[in-house]
C-alpha atoms as a PDB file:
ATOM      1  CA  MET A   1      60.580 132.834  60.861  1.00  0.00           C
ATOM      2  CA  LEU A   2      58.528 129.904  59.681  1.00  0.00           C
ATOM      3  CA  SER A   3      55.110 129.377  61.176  1.00  0.00           C
ATOM      4  CA  ILE A   4      53.696 125.957  62.041  1.00  0.00           C
ATOM      5  CA  LEU A   5      51.710 126.072  58.807  1.00  0.00           C
ATOM      6  CA  ASP A   6      54.836 126.890  56.785  1.00  0.00           C
ATOM      7  CA  ARG A   7      56.710 123.964  58.320  1.00  0.00           C
ATOM      8  CA  TYR A   8      53.740 121.667  57.711  1.00  0.00           C
ATOM      9  CA  ILE A   9      53.558 122.511  53.985  1.00  0.00           C
ATOM     10  CA  LEU A  10      57.355 122.539  53.592  1.00  0.00           C
ATOM     11  CA  LYS A  11      57.638 119.092  55.179  1.00  0.00           C
ATOM     12  CA  LYS A  12      55.044 117.694  52.789  1.00  0.00           C
ATOM     13  CA  TYR A  13      56.746 119.366  49.828  1.00  0.00           C
ATOM     14  CA  LEU A  14      60.252 118.047  50.483  1.00  0.00           C
ATOM     15  CA  GLY A  15      59.088 114.614  51.689  1.00  0.00           C
ATOM     16  CA  THR A  16      56.969 114.062  48.583  1.00  0.00           C
ATOM     17  CA  PHE A  17      59.731 115.365  46.325  1.00  0.00           C
ATOM     18  CA  PHE A  18      62.375 112.921  47.548  1.00  0.00           C
ATOM     19  CA  PHE A  19      59.866 110.053  47.460  1.00  0.00           C
ATOM     20  CA  ILE A  20      59.123 110.851  43.798  1.00  0.00           C
ATOM     21  CA  ILE A  21      62.859 110.966  43.047  1.00  0.00           C
ATOM     22  CA  LEU A  22      63.218 107.463  44.492  1.00  0.00           C
ATOM     23  CA  MET A  23      60.283 106.078  42.522  1.00  0.00           C
ATOM     24  CA  PHE A  24      61.236 107.657  39.209  1.00  0.00           C
ATOM     25  CA  SER A  25      64.914 106.672  39.617  1.00  0.00           C
ATOM     26  CA  MET A  26      63.954 103.003  39.805  1.00  0.00           C
ATOM     27  CA  LEU A  27      61.556 103.397  36.879  1.00  0.00           C
ATOM     28  CA  ALA A  28      64.183 105.174  34.748  1.00  0.00           C
ATOM     29  CA  ALA A  29      66.785 102.497  35.503  1.00  0.00           C
ATOM     30  CA  VAL A  30      64.387  99.699  34.505  1.00  0.00           C
ATOM     31  CA  ILE A  31      63.407 101.413  31.231  1.00  0.00           C
ATOM     32  CA  ASP A  32      67.018 102.220  30.370  1.00  0.00           C
ATOM     33  CA  PHE A  33      68.143  98.652  31.107  1.00  0.00           C
ATOM     34  CA  ALA A  34      65.414  97.263  28.831  1.00  0.00           C
ATOM     35  CA  GLU A  35      66.647  99.569  26.051  1.00  0.00           C
ATOM     36  CA  LYS A  36      70.356  98.736  26.427  1.00  0.00           C
ATOM     37  CA  VAL A  37      70.223  95.091  27.508  1.00  0.00           C
ATOM     38  CA  GLU A  38      71.618  93.946  24.132  1.00  0.00           C
ATOM     39  CA  ASP A  39      74.674  96.178  24.585  1.00  0.00           C
ATOM     40  CA  PHE A  40      75.183  94.770  28.086  1.00  0.00           C
ATOM     41  CA  MET A  41      74.874  91.153  26.886  1.00  0.00           C
ATOM     42  CA  GLY A  42      76.707  91.340  23.533  1.00  0.00           C
ATOM     43  CA  ALA A  43      80.084  89.992  22.496  1.00  0.00           C
ATOM     44  CA  LYS A  44      81.889  93.162  23.635  1.00  0.00           C
ATOM     45  CA  ALA A  45      79.790  93.582  26.751  1.00  0.00           C
ATOM     46  CA  PRO A  46      81.353  95.043  29.913  1.00  0.00           C
ATOM     47  CA  PRO A  47      81.459  93.109  33.213  1.00  0.00           C
ATOM     48  CA  PHE A  48      78.119  93.313  35.014  1.00  0.00           C
ATOM     49  CA  SER A  49      79.774  94.891  38.052  1.00  0.00           C
ATOM     50  CA  MET A  50      80.953  97.730  35.799  1.00  0.00           C
ATOM     51  CA  VAL A  51      77.411  98.192  34.469  1.00  0.00           C
ATOM     52  CA  ILE A  52      76.278  98.837  38.048  1.00  0.00           C
ATOM     53  CA  THR A  53      79.212 100.859  39.405  1.00  0.00           C
ATOM     54  CA  ASP A  54      80.320 102.834  36.330  1.00  0.00           C
ATOM     55  CA  TYR A  55      77.016 103.245  34.554  1.00  0.00           C
ATOM     56  CA  TYR A  56      73.868 103.044  36.667  1.00  0.00           C
ATOM     57  CA  LEU A  57      75.263 104.644  39.812  1.00  0.00           C
ATOM     58  CA  ASN A  58      76.145 107.611  37.575  1.00  0.00           C
ATOM     59  CA  PHE A  59      73.193 107.373  35.186  1.00  0.00           C
ATOM     60  CA  ILE A  60      70.654 107.916  37.981  1.00  0.00           C
ATOM     61  CA  PRO A  61      72.111 111.318  39.073  1.00  0.00           C
ATOM     62  CA  PHE A  62      72.308 112.359  35.413  1.00  0.00           C
ATOM     63  CA  ILE A  63      68.689 111.519  34.533  1.00  0.00           C
ATOM     64  CA  ASN A  64      67.469 113.086  37.768  1.00  0.00           C
ATOM     65  CA  SER A  65      69.324 116.319  36.966  1.00  0.00           C
ATOM     66  CA  LEU A  66      67.339 116.532  33.716  1.00  0.00           C
ATOM     67  CA  LEU A  67      63.996 115.686  35.335  1.00  0.00           C
ATOM     68  CA  PHE A  68      64.178 117.807  38.502  1.00  0.00           C
ATOM     69  CA  PRO A  69      61.713 120.414  37.151  1.00  0.00           C
ATOM     70  CA  LEU A  70      59.247 117.680  36.197  1.00  0.00           C
ATOM     71  CA  TYR A  71      59.600 116.119  39.658  1.00  0.00           C
ATOM     72  CA  THR A  72      58.907 119.527  41.193  1.00  0.00           C
ATOM     73  CA  LEU A  73      55.679 119.980  39.246  1.00  0.00           C
ATOM     74  CA  ILE A  74      54.437 116.458  40.038  1.00  0.00           C
ATOM     75  CA  THR A  75      55.305 116.939  43.716  1.00  0.00           C
ATOM     76  CA  VAL A  76      53.388 120.204  44.047  1.00  0.00           C
ATOM     77  CA  LEU A  77      50.391 118.859  42.120  1.00  0.00           C
ATOM     78  CA  PHE A  78      50.278 115.669  44.164  1.00  0.00           C
ATOM     79  CA  PHE A  79      50.392 116.964  47.731  1.00  0.00           C
ATOM     80  CA  THR A  80      48.588 120.281  47.054  1.00  0.00           C
ATOM     81  CA  SER A  81      45.734 118.423  45.368  1.00  0.00           C
ATOM     82  CA  ARG A  82      45.391 116.269  48.477  1.00  0.00           C
ATOM     83  CA  LEU A  83      45.344 119.378  50.666  1.00  0.00           C
ATOM     84  CA  ALA A  84      42.641 120.916  48.463  1.00  0.00           C
ATOM     85  CA  GLY A  85      40.667 117.657  48.331  1.00  0.00           C
ATOM     86  CA  ASN A  86      40.654 117.454  52.133  1.00  0.00           C
ATOM     87  CA  SER A  87      39.490 121.106  52.282  1.00  0.00           C
ATOM     88  CA  GLU A  88      42.670 122.060  54.161  1.00  0.00           C
ATOM     89  CA  ILE A  89      43.418 124.973  51.831  1.00  0.00           C
ATOM     90  CA  LEU A  90      39.819 126.129  52.127  1.00  0.00           C
ATOM     91  CA  GLY A  91      40.214 126.020  55.921  1.00  0.00           C
ATOM     92  CA  MET A  92      43.414 128.061  55.755  1.00  0.00           C
ATOM     93  CA  LEU A  93      41.716 130.717  53.649  1.00  0.00           C
ATOM     94  CA  GLY A  94      38.711 130.654  55.982  1.00  0.00           C
ATOM     95  CA  CYS A  95      41.007 131.494  58.889  1.00  0.00           C
ATOM     96  CA  GLY A  96      41.967 134.720  57.149  1.00  0.00           C
ATOM     97  CA  ILE A  97      45.249 133.646  55.586  1.00  0.00           C
ATOM     98  CA  ASN A  98      45.909 135.481  52.322  1.00  0.00           C
ATOM     99  CA  PHE A  99      46.022 133.268  49.248  1.00  0.00           C
ATOM    100  CA  TYR A 100      49.405 134.630  48.181  1.00  0.00           C
ATOM    101  CA  ARG A 101      50.724 134.085  51.735  1.00  0.00           C
ATOM    102  CA  LEU A 102      50.197 130.357  51.229  1.00  0.00           C
ATOM    103  CA  LEU A 103      52.776 130.532  48.457  1.00  0.00           C
ATOM    104  CA  LYS A 104      55.616 131.326  50.906  1.00  0.00           C
ATOM    105  CA  PRO A 105      56.471 127.728  51.974  1.00  0.00           C
ATOM    106  CA  TYR A 106      56.144 126.620  48.357  1.00  0.00           C
ATOM    107  CA  LEU A 107      58.694 129.198  47.241  1.00  0.00           C
ATOM    108  CA  ILE A 108      61.010 128.250  50.118  1.00  0.00           C
ATOM    109  CA  GLY A 109      60.769 124.592  49.140  1.00  0.00           C
ATOM    110  CA  GLY A 110      61.283 125.447  45.471  1.00  0.00           C
ATOM    111  CA  LEU A 111      64.306 127.576  46.386  1.00  0.00           C
ATOM    112  CA  ILE A 112      65.831 124.705  48.389  1.00  0.00           C
ATOM    113  CA  ILE A 113      65.366 122.302  45.483  1.00  0.00           C
ATOM    114  CA  ALA A 114      66.622 124.874  42.973  1.00  0.00           C
ATOM    115  CA  SER A 115      69.754 125.454  45.090  1.00  0.00           C
ATOM    116  CA  LEU A 116      70.444 121.709  45.321  1.00  0.00           C
ATOM    117  CA  HIS A 117      69.849 121.420  41.580  1.00  0.00           C
ATOM    118  CA  TYR A 118      72.196 124.326  40.822  1.00  0.00           C
ATOM    119  CA  MET A 119      75.004 122.942  42.982  1.00  0.00           C
ATOM    120  CA  GLY A 120      74.526 119.495  41.478  1.00  0.00           C
ATOM    121  CA  ASN A 121      74.500 120.731  37.884  1.00  0.00           C
ATOM    122  CA  HIS A 122      77.665 122.777  38.236  1.00  0.00           C
ATOM    123  CA  PHE A 123      79.769 120.813  40.729  1.00  0.00           C
ATOM    124  CA  ILE A 124      78.478 117.271  41.416  1.00  0.00           C
ATOM    125  CA  PHE A 125      76.695 115.727  38.427  1.00  0.00           C
ATOM    126  CA  PRO A 126      79.507 116.473  35.891  1.00  0.00           C
ATOM    127  CA  SER A 127      81.957 114.384  37.947  1.00  0.00           C
ATOM    128  CA  SER A 128      79.661 111.358  37.906  1.00  0.00           C
ATOM    129  CA  SER A 129      78.782 111.990  34.256  1.00  0.00           C
ATOM    130  CA  LYS A 130      82.463 111.825  33.283  1.00  0.00           C
ATOM    131  CA  ILE A 131      82.539 108.152  34.360  1.00  0.00           C
ATOM    132  CA  ARG A 132      79.193 107.417  32.693  1.00  0.00           C
ATOM    133  CA  VAL A 133      80.213 109.136  29.437  1.00  0.00           C
ATOM    134  CA  LYS A 134      83.439 107.123  29.293  1.00  0.00           C
ATOM    135  CA  PHE A 135      81.423 103.914  29.772  1.00  0.00           C
ATOM    136  CA  GLU A 136      78.877 104.891  27.106  1.00  0.00           C
ATOM    137  CA  ASN A 137      81.532 105.829  24.569  1.00  0.00           C
ATOM    138  CA  THR A 138      83.357 102.543  25.155  1.00  0.00           C
ATOM    139  CA  TYR A 139      80.465 100.071  25.176  1.00  0.00           C
ATOM    140  CA  ILE A 140      77.294 101.761  23.825  1.00  0.00           C
ATOM    141  CA  TRP A 141      77.869 104.805  21.602  1.00  0.00           C
ATOM    142  CA  ARG A 142      81.153 103.783  19.975  1.00  0.00           C
ATOM    143  CA  ASN A 143      80.867 106.042  16.939  1.00  0.00           C
ATOM    144  CA  ASN A 144      79.289 109.209  18.315  1.00  0.00           C
ATOM    145  CA  TYR A 145      82.011 111.450  16.883  1.00  0.00           C
ATOM    146  CA  LYS A 146      81.386 114.962  15.611  1.00  0.00           C
ATOM    147  CA  SER A 147      83.775 117.100  13.594  1.00  0.00           C
ATOM    148  CA  PRO A 148      83.770 119.753  10.864  1.00  0.00           C
ATOM    149  CA  THR A 149      84.575 118.177   7.521  1.00  0.00           C
ATOM    150  CA  ASP A 150      84.832 121.012   4.969  1.00  0.00           C
ATOM    151  CA  ASN A 151      86.357 124.504   4.752  1.00  0.00           C
ATOM    152  CA  ILE A 152      87.875 124.674   8.232  1.00  0.00           C
ATOM    153  CA  HIS A 153      89.394 128.020   9.242  1.00  0.00           C
ATOM    154  CA  PHE A 154      91.103 128.696  12.573  1.00  0.00           C
ATOM    155  CA  MET A 155      94.038 130.527  14.127  1.00  0.00           C
ATOM    156  CA  LEU A 156      97.057 128.510  15.178  1.00  0.00           C
ATOM    157  CA  ASP A 157      98.171 131.512  17.218  1.00  0.00           C
ATOM    158  CA  LYS A 158      97.936 135.292  16.952  1.00  0.00           C
ATOM    159  CA  GLN A 159     100.043 135.410  13.784  1.00  0.00           C
ATOM    160  CA  ASN A 160      99.274 132.179  11.917  1.00  0.00           C
ATOM    161  CA  GLU A 161      95.999 131.213  10.269  1.00  0.00           C
ATOM    162  CA  MET A 162      95.231 127.738   8.961  1.00  0.00           C
ATOM    163  CA  TYR A 163      92.784 126.549   6.327  1.00  0.00           C
ATOM    164  CA  ILE A 164      91.907 122.906   5.601  1.00  0.00           C
ATOM    165  CA  ARG A 165      89.561 122.211   2.696  1.00  0.00           C
ATOM    166  CA  SER A 166      88.462 118.798   3.993  1.00  0.00           C
ATOM    167  CA  PHE A 167      89.290 116.657   7.033  1.00  0.00           C
ATOM    168  CA  ASN A 168      88.739 112.949   7.643  1.00  0.00           C
ATOM    169  CA  ARG A 169      88.455 111.956  11.291  1.00  0.00           C
ATOM    170  CA  LYS A 170      89.107 108.249  10.694  1.00  0.00           C
ATOM    171  CA  ASP A 171      92.646 108.663   9.386  1.00  0.00           C
ATOM    172  CA  SER A 172      93.301 112.128  10.931  1.00  0.00           C
ATOM    173  CA  MET A 173      94.165 113.454   7.497  1.00  0.00           C
ATOM    174  CA  GLY A 174      93.280 116.728   5.767  1.00  0.00           C
ATOM    175  CA  GLN A 175      93.423 117.834   2.144  1.00  0.00           C
ATOM    176  CA  ASP A 176      94.457 121.157   0.556  1.00  0.00           C
ATOM    177  CA  VAL A 177      96.104 123.006   3.440  1.00  0.00           C
ATOM    178  CA  TRP A 178      97.131 126.666   3.652  1.00  0.00           C
ATOM    179  CA  ILE A 179      99.129 128.201   6.506  1.00  0.00           C
ATOM    180  CA  MET A 180      99.235 132.008   6.265  1.00  0.00           C
ATOM    181  CA  ARG A 181     101.309 134.244   8.475  1.00  0.00           C
ATOM    182  CA  TYR A 182     100.313 137.730   9.685  1.00  0.00           C
ATOM    183  CA  ASP A 183     102.416 140.401  11.338  1.00  0.00           C
ATOM    184  CA  THR A 184     101.548 141.900  14.711  1.00  0.00           C
ATOM    185  CA  SER A 185      99.291 144.542  13.101  1.00  0.00           C
ATOM    186  CA  GLY A 186      97.107 141.850  11.545  1.00  0.00           C
ATOM    187  CA  VAL A 187      98.280 142.475   7.971  1.00  0.00           C
ATOM    188  CA  GLN A 188      98.973 139.338   5.967  1.00  0.00           C
ATOM    189  CA  ARG A 189     102.639 138.767   5.252  1.00  0.00           C
ATOM    190  CA  PRO A 190     103.708 137.143   1.990  1.00  0.00           C
ATOM    191  CA  ASN A 191     104.855 133.936   3.681  1.00  0.00           C
ATOM    192  CA  THR A 192     102.542 131.048   2.907  1.00  0.00           C
ATOM    193  CA  ILE A 193     102.808 127.272   3.080  1.00  0.00           C
ATOM    194  CA  ILE A 194     100.548 125.329   0.729  1.00  0.00           C
ATOM    195  CA  ALA A 195     100.325 121.549   1.094  1.00  0.00           C
ATOM    196  CA  LYS A 196      98.296 118.910  -0.705  1.00  0.00           C
ATOM    197  CA  SER A 197      97.653 117.011   2.510  1.00  0.00           C
ATOM    198  CA  ILE A 198      98.330 116.956   6.233  1.00  0.00           C
ATOM    199  CA  LYS A 199      98.421 113.971   8.564  1.00  0.00           C
ATOM    200  CA  CYS A 200      98.615 113.748  12.340  1.00  0.00           C
ATOM    201  CA  LEU A 201     101.673 111.881  13.667  1.00  0.00           C
ATOM    202  CA  GLY A 202     100.459 112.094  17.266  1.00  0.00           C
ATOM    203  CA  GLY A 203      99.674 114.951  19.627  1.00  0.00           C
ATOM    204  CA  GLN A 204     100.592 118.243  17.937  1.00  0.00           C
ATOM    205  CA  ARG A 205     103.071 116.622  15.563  1.00  0.00           C
ATOM    206  CA  TRP A 206     101.941 116.869  11.912  1.00  0.00           C
ATOM    207  CA  GLN A 207     103.241 115.825   8.517  1.00  0.00           C
ATOM    208  CA  LEU A 208     102.749 118.151   5.502  1.00  0.00           C
ATOM    209  CA  ASN A 209     103.025 116.468   2.086  1.00  0.00           C
ATOM    210  CA  ASN A 210     103.765 117.943  -1.365  1.00  0.00           C
ATOM    211  CA  CYS A 211     104.420 121.444  -0.065  1.00  0.00           C
ATOM    212  CA  GLN A 212     105.109 124.831  -1.590  1.00  0.00           C
ATOM    213  CA  ILE A 213     106.697 127.518   0.572  1.00  0.00           C
ATOM    214  CA  ARG A 214     106.143 130.985  -0.922  1.00  0.00           C
ATOM    215  CA  GLN A 215     108.240 133.882   0.333  1.00  0.00           C
ATOM    216  CA  VAL A 216     108.050 137.417  -1.064  1.00  0.00           C
ATOM    217  CA  ASN A 217     110.792 139.939  -0.436  1.00  0.00           C
ATOM    218  CA  GLY A 218     109.935 143.266  -2.014  1.00  0.00           C
ATOM    219  CA  MET A 219     109.227 142.612  -5.686  1.00  0.00           C
ATOM    220  CA  LYS A 220     110.831 139.185  -5.628  1.00  0.00           C
ATOM    221  CA  GLU A 221     109.031 135.947  -4.925  1.00  0.00           C
ATOM    222  CA  GLN A 222     110.732 132.706  -4.073  1.00  0.00           C
ATOM    223  CA  VAL A 223     109.003 129.327  -4.155  1.00  0.00           C
ATOM    224  CA  PHE A 224     110.515 126.322  -2.420  1.00  0.00           C
ATOM    225  CA  VAL A 225     109.138 122.843  -3.013  1.00  0.00           C
ATOM    226  CA  ARG A 226     109.311 120.195  -0.343  1.00  0.00           C
ATOM    227  CA  LYS A 227     108.108 116.623  -0.646  1.00  0.00           C
ATOM    228  CA  GLN A 228     107.459 116.365   3.057  1.00  0.00           C
ATOM    229  CA  ILE A 229     107.678 118.540   6.172  1.00  0.00           C
ATOM    230  CA  ASP A 230     107.349 117.183   9.705  1.00  0.00           C
ATOM    231  CA  THR A 231     106.588 119.969  12.158  1.00  0.00           C
ATOM    232  CA  ASN A 232     104.816 120.904  15.364  1.00  0.00           C
ATOM    233  CA  LEU A 233     101.612 122.934  14.958  1.00  0.00           C
ATOM    234  CA  ASN A 234      99.571 124.482  17.738  1.00  0.00           C
ATOM    235  CA  PHE A 235      96.570 122.182  17.378  1.00  0.00           C
ATOM    236  CA  ALA A 236      95.719 118.500  17.759  1.00  0.00           C
ATOM    237  CA  THR A 237      93.085 116.189  16.314  1.00  0.00           C
ATOM    238  CA  SER A 238      91.046 116.661  19.498  1.00  0.00           C
ATOM    239  CA  ASP A 239      90.593 120.342  18.528  1.00  0.00           C
ATOM    240  CA  LEU A 240      88.666 119.217  15.441  1.00  0.00           C
ATOM    241  CA  VAL A 241      86.998 116.037  16.703  1.00  0.00           C
ATOM    242  CA  TYR A 242      84.788 115.661  19.772  1.00  0.00           C
ATOM    243  CA  ARG A 243      82.339 113.119  21.133  1.00  0.00           C
ATOM    244  CA  ASP A 244      78.640 113.918  20.951  1.00  0.00           C
ATOM    245  CA  ASN A 245      78.185 113.647  24.736  1.00  0.00           C
ATOM    246  CA  GLU A 246      81.547 114.812  26.067  1.00  0.00           C
ATOM    247  CA  GLN A 247      80.124 118.125  27.330  1.00  0.00           C
ATOM    248  CA  GLN A 248      78.037 116.249  29.922  1.00  0.00           C
ATOM    249  CA  GLY A 249      81.188 115.118  31.722  1.00  0.00           C
ATOM    250  CA  MET A 250      82.896 118.512  31.776  1.00  0.00           C
ATOM    251  CA  GLN A 251      82.843 120.786  34.805  1.00  0.00           C
ATOM    252  CA  SER A 252      81.302 124.193  34.162  1.00  0.00           C
ATOM    253  CA  ALA A 253      84.729 125.862  34.376  1.00  0.00           C
ATOM    254  CA  GLU A 254      86.058 123.373  31.798  1.00  0.00           C
ATOM    255  CA  LEU A 255      83.103 124.064  29.516  1.00  0.00           C
ATOM    256  CA  GLN A 256      83.649 127.814  29.679  1.00  0.00           C
ATOM    257  CA  GLN A 257      87.381 127.421  29.084  1.00  0.00           C
ATOM    258  CA  TYR A 258      86.752 125.144  26.089  1.00  0.00           C
ATOM    259  CA  ILE A 259      84.260 127.606  24.575  1.00  0.00           C
ATOM    260  CA  ASP A 260      86.655 130.534  25.114  1.00  0.00           C
ATOM    261  CA  GLU A 261      89.548 128.630  23.507  1.00  0.00           C
ATOM    262  CA  GLN A 262      87.481 127.725  20.458  1.00  0.00           C
ATOM    263  CA  ASN A 263      86.297 131.314  20.043  1.00  0.00           C
ATOM    264  CA  ALA A 264      89.843 132.643  20.450  1.00  0.00           C
ATOM    265  CA  ARG A 265      90.968 130.365  17.622  1.00  0.00           C
ATOM    266  CA  GLY A 266      88.227 131.720  15.403  1.00  0.00           C
ATOM    267  CA  MET A 267      86.514 128.351  15.348  1.00  0.00           C
ATOM    268  CA  LYS A 268      82.817 128.109  16.065  1.00  0.00           C
ATOM    269  CA  SER A 269      82.535 126.202  19.333  1.00  0.00           C
ATOM    270  CA  PRO A 270      80.158 123.219  19.310  1.00  0.00           C
ATOM    271  CA  VAL A 271      76.710 124.613  20.119  1.00  0.00           C
ATOM    272  CA  MET A 272      75.857 121.735  22.443  1.00  0.00           C
ATOM    273  CA  HIS A 273      78.673 122.808  24.773  1.00  0.00           C
ATOM    274  CA  GLU A 274      77.139 126.271  25.095  1.00  0.00           C
ATOM    275  CA  VAL A 275      73.648 124.790  25.455  1.00  0.00           C
ATOM    276  CA  GLU A 276      74.863 122.513  28.247  1.00  0.00           C
ATOM    277  CA  LEU A 277      76.526 125.397  30.090  1.00  0.00           C
ATOM    278  CA  HIS A 278      73.401 127.584  30.033  1.00  0.00           C
ATOM    279  CA  ARG A 279      71.084 124.639  30.808  1.00  0.00           C
ATOM    280  CA  ARG A 280      72.860 124.036  34.101  1.00  0.00           C
ATOM    281  CA  THR A 281      71.694 127.438  35.332  1.00  0.00           C
ATOM    282  CA  ALA A 282      68.309 127.630  33.597  1.00  0.00           C
ATOM    283  CA  ASP A 283      67.000 124.254  34.817  1.00  0.00           C
ATOM    284  CA  PRO A 284      67.193 125.134  38.534  1.00  0.00           C
ATOM    285  CA  PHE A 285      65.177 128.297  37.841  1.00  0.00           C
ATOM    286  CA  SER A 286      62.541 126.093  36.170  1.00  0.00           C
ATOM    287  CA  ASN A 287      61.889 124.498  39.561  1.00  0.00           C
ATOM    288  CA  LEU A 288      60.598 127.818  40.909  1.00  0.00           C
ATOM    289  CA  VAL A 289      58.460 128.500  37.828  1.00  0.00           C
ATOM    290  CA  LEU A 290      56.819 125.073  37.882  1.00  0.00           C
ATOM    291  CA  THR A 291      56.309 125.295  41.637  1.00  0.00           C
ATOM    292  CA  VAL A 292      54.135 128.371  41.156  1.00  0.00           C
ATOM    293  CA  ILE A 293      52.266 126.778  38.237  1.00  0.00           C
ATOM    294  CA  GLY A 294      51.646 123.589  40.231  1.00  0.00           C
ATOM    295  CA  PHE A 295      50.305 125.586  43.183  1.00  0.00           C
ATOM    296  CA  ALA A 296      48.017 127.635  40.948  1.00  0.00           C
ATOM    297  CA  VAL A 297      46.590 124.484  39.326  1.00  0.00           C
ATOM    298  CA  ALA A 298      46.180 122.254  42.385  1.00  0.00           C
ATOM    299  CA  SER A 299      45.099 124.761  45.042  1.00  0.00           C
ATOM    300  CA  ARG A 300      41.552 124.869  43.606  1.00  0.00           C
ATOM    301  CA  LYS A 301      39.224 122.093  44.714  1.00  0.00           C
ATOM    302  CA  THR A 302      37.637 120.636  41.579  1.00  0.00           C
ATOM    303  CA  ARG A 303      35.192 117.843  40.869  1.00  0.00           C
ATOM    304  CA  GLY A 304      37.867 115.850  39.047  1.00  0.00           C
ATOM    305  CA  GLY A 305      40.151 115.967  42.065  1.00  0.00           C
ATOM    306  CA  MET A 306      43.777 114.897  41.850  1.00  0.00           C
ATOM    307  CA  GLY A 307      43.294 113.134  38.514  1.00  0.00           C
ATOM    308  CA  TRP A 308      42.176 116.334  36.796  1.00  0.00           C
ATOM    309  CA  HIS A 309      45.035 118.266  38.366  1.00  0.00           C
ATOM    310  CA  LEU A 310      47.557 115.696  37.126  1.00  0.00           C
ATOM    311  CA  VAL A 311      46.063 115.852  33.626  1.00  0.00           C
ATOM    312  CA  ILE A 312      46.442 119.640  33.520  1.00  0.00           C
ATOM    313  CA  GLY A 313      49.928 119.424  35.027  1.00  0.00           C
ATOM    314  CA  GLY A 314      50.914 116.751  32.510  1.00  0.00           C
ATOM    315  CA  GLY A 315      49.798 118.974  29.651  1.00  0.00           C
ATOM    316  CA  ILE A 316      51.747 121.925  31.040  1.00  0.00           C
ATOM    317  CA  SER A 317      54.900 119.880  31.603  1.00  0.00           C
ATOM    318  CA  GLY A 318      54.602 118.369  28.113  1.00  0.00           C
ATOM    319  CA  LEU A 319      54.309 121.829  26.589  1.00  0.00           C
ATOM    320  CA  PHE A 320      57.268 123.048  28.648  1.00  0.00           C
ATOM    321  CA  ILE A 321      59.452 120.132  27.525  1.00  0.00           C
ATOM    322  CA  PHE A 322      58.344 120.604  23.898  1.00  0.00           C
ATOM    323  CA  MET A 323      59.289 124.291  23.978  1.00  0.00           C
ATOM    324  CA  SER A 324      62.641 123.473  25.575  1.00  0.00           C
ATOM    325  CA  LYS A 325      63.497 120.905  22.897  1.00  0.00           C
ATOM    326  CA  PHE A 326      62.170 123.166  20.132  1.00  0.00           C
ATOM    327  CA  SER A 327      64.277 126.135  21.180  1.00  0.00           C
ATOM    328  CA  THR A 328      67.343 123.913  21.679  1.00  0.00           C
ATOM    329  CA  THR A 329      66.912 122.573  18.147  1.00  0.00           C
ATOM    330  CA  PHE A 330      66.788 126.148  16.859  1.00  0.00           C
ATOM    331  CA  ALA A 331      70.053 126.891  18.662  1.00  0.00           C
ATOM    332  CA  THR A 332      71.708 123.733  17.331  1.00  0.00           C
ATOM    333  CA  ASN A 333      70.594 123.852  13.716  1.00  0.00           C
ATOM    334  CA  ALA A 334      69.462 127.406  12.945  1.00  0.00           C
ATOM    335  CA  GLY A 335      72.199 129.528  14.521  1.00  0.00           C
ATOM    336  CA  PHE A 336      69.929 130.796  17.318  1.00  0.00           C
ATOM    337  CA  SER A 337      71.684 132.136  20.430  1.00  0.00           C
ATOM    338  CA  PRO A 338      72.055 129.231  22.930  1.00  0.00           C
ATOM    339  CA  PHE A 339      71.561 131.593  25.873  1.00  0.00           C
ATOM    340  CA  ILE A 340      68.265 132.947  24.530  1.00  0.00           C
ATOM    341  CA  ALA A 341      67.115 129.508  23.372  1.00  0.00           C
ATOM    342  CA  ILE A 342      67.612 127.964  26.800  1.00  0.00           C
ATOM    343  CA  TRP A 343      65.948 130.820  28.714  1.00  0.00           C
ATOM    344  CA  ILE A 344      62.924 131.417  26.438  1.00  0.00           C
ATOM    345  CA  PRO A 345      60.798 128.599  28.000  1.00  0.00           C
ATOM    346  CA  ASN A 346      61.504 129.922  31.511  1.00  0.00           C
ATOM    347  CA  ILE A 347      60.625 133.489  30.547  1.00  0.00           C
ATOM    348  CA  LEU A 348      57.378 132.541  28.792  1.00  0.00           C
ATOM    349  CA  PHE A 349      56.265 130.153  31.515  1.00  0.00           C
ATOM    350  CA  SER A 350      57.095 132.717  34.202  1.00  0.00           C
ATOM    351  CA  LEU A 351      54.459 134.932  32.600  1.00  0.00           C
ATOM    352  CA  VAL A 352      52.083 131.953  32.430  1.00  0.00           C
ATOM    353  CA  ALA A 353      52.724 131.239  36.126  1.00  0.00           C
ATOM    354  CA  ILE A 354      51.860 134.806  37.139  1.00  0.00           C
ATOM    355  CA  GLY A 355      48.680 134.738  35.048  1.00  0.00           C
ATOM    356  CA  MET A 356      47.593 131.373  36.461  1.00  0.00           C
ATOM    357  CA  LEU A 357      48.270 132.542  40.014  1.00  0.00           C
ATOM    358  CA  VAL A 358      46.030 135.591  39.556  1.00  0.00           C
ATOM    359  CA  TRP A 359      43.358 133.388  37.934  1.00  0.00           C
ATOM    360  CA  ALA A 360      43.539 130.823  40.775  1.00  0.00           C
ATOM    361  CA  LYS A 361      42.915 133.505  43.411  1.00  0.00           C
ATOM    362  CA  LYS A 362      39.787 134.671  41.595  1.00  0.00           C
END
C-alpha cells in the first residue's frame, strides 16, 4: 500500500523524469544534427524524409537508452533539492517519519524506470536500432568494418579446422590456407589441404588456388596437386567481417546466439558484442544505484541549494561515466572479462550509495 506521501513523491519523480527525457531528447537531436549536417547535405545524402523516419525517430530511443541512468540522477537531484529547499523533507522528518522510510517511493520509482529500461534494452530499442544502424552504415559510417587480419584459426565443423595466415576484407581473399581434418576422438588425421590462397565466390562457396592435398595411408604418403578447387566450406565472409555497430541492432537472443556460435567455432567473439549484451542488463540496475545516491545528496538542505546539489551530482555522474568507459576499454583492449568490466561501476557505486545514505542521515 502506498501512502499519500508515497504517491506525492512518486508522482514528482516520474513526472520530472519524463519531462527531462523530453528536454534532453530535443537537445541530443539538435547536437547530433549539427555534427552530421554535412553527411545529410552531401552528394550522397539521403532524402530528408529518411533522415527523420529512419534515423532520428530511432536515434532518440537509442541515445535515451544510454542516458537513462543520468536522467535518473538529474531527476532525483532536481525535485528532491526543491523538496529540501522548501523544508518539506524537514517537515516529514519532524512528523516522525524515519529517514530511510522516505526512500521507499524513490526505490519504487527507480524500480519502475529500471523495469522500463530493461524491457527497452532487451526487446524494444534493438528493433529501432536495426533501422538506425542500417542508415548509419549506408550514409554516415560507410567504412566501419572490423575483421581479424592475421593468423585466423577456427573450426569449420567438429572434424575440420581451418587456418588462414592473412585475410583481406576488401577482396574477400586469404593467403596461406590450411584445412586439417580430425577424427571423432579429436586426433589429427593425416589428410590436409594446403592452398596458397582462398577467395570467396559468394555465400559459402570458395575457390582454393595452387593446392596440395596430402593423404597418408600407413607409411605411405600421397600428394596431389591441384591448380584450383571450387568447394563449399562451412563459413562465409560475414563470419570474419562485421560492422563496428552491428551489435546495437541485434536482439539479445541474437547476440547470445552469435557469441555462442563464435565460441563453438573456436573463434574469439567480438568483445563489443559481449559488452553490449551485459550492458543491457547492467544499465537498468544503475538507475537504482543513482536513485539512492541522488536522494542522499539532495535530501540535505544546504546553503548552496539546488545549484550545489547539481554540482555534486554532476561530479558523481561524471565519475560514474568515466569508470564505465574505463572498464569497457579494459575489456575491449586488455582482455578483461566483459561481464566483470560492465558490472564493476555498479558494484563500486552501490557501496558508495550505502555510505552516502548513512552519512546523509547523520
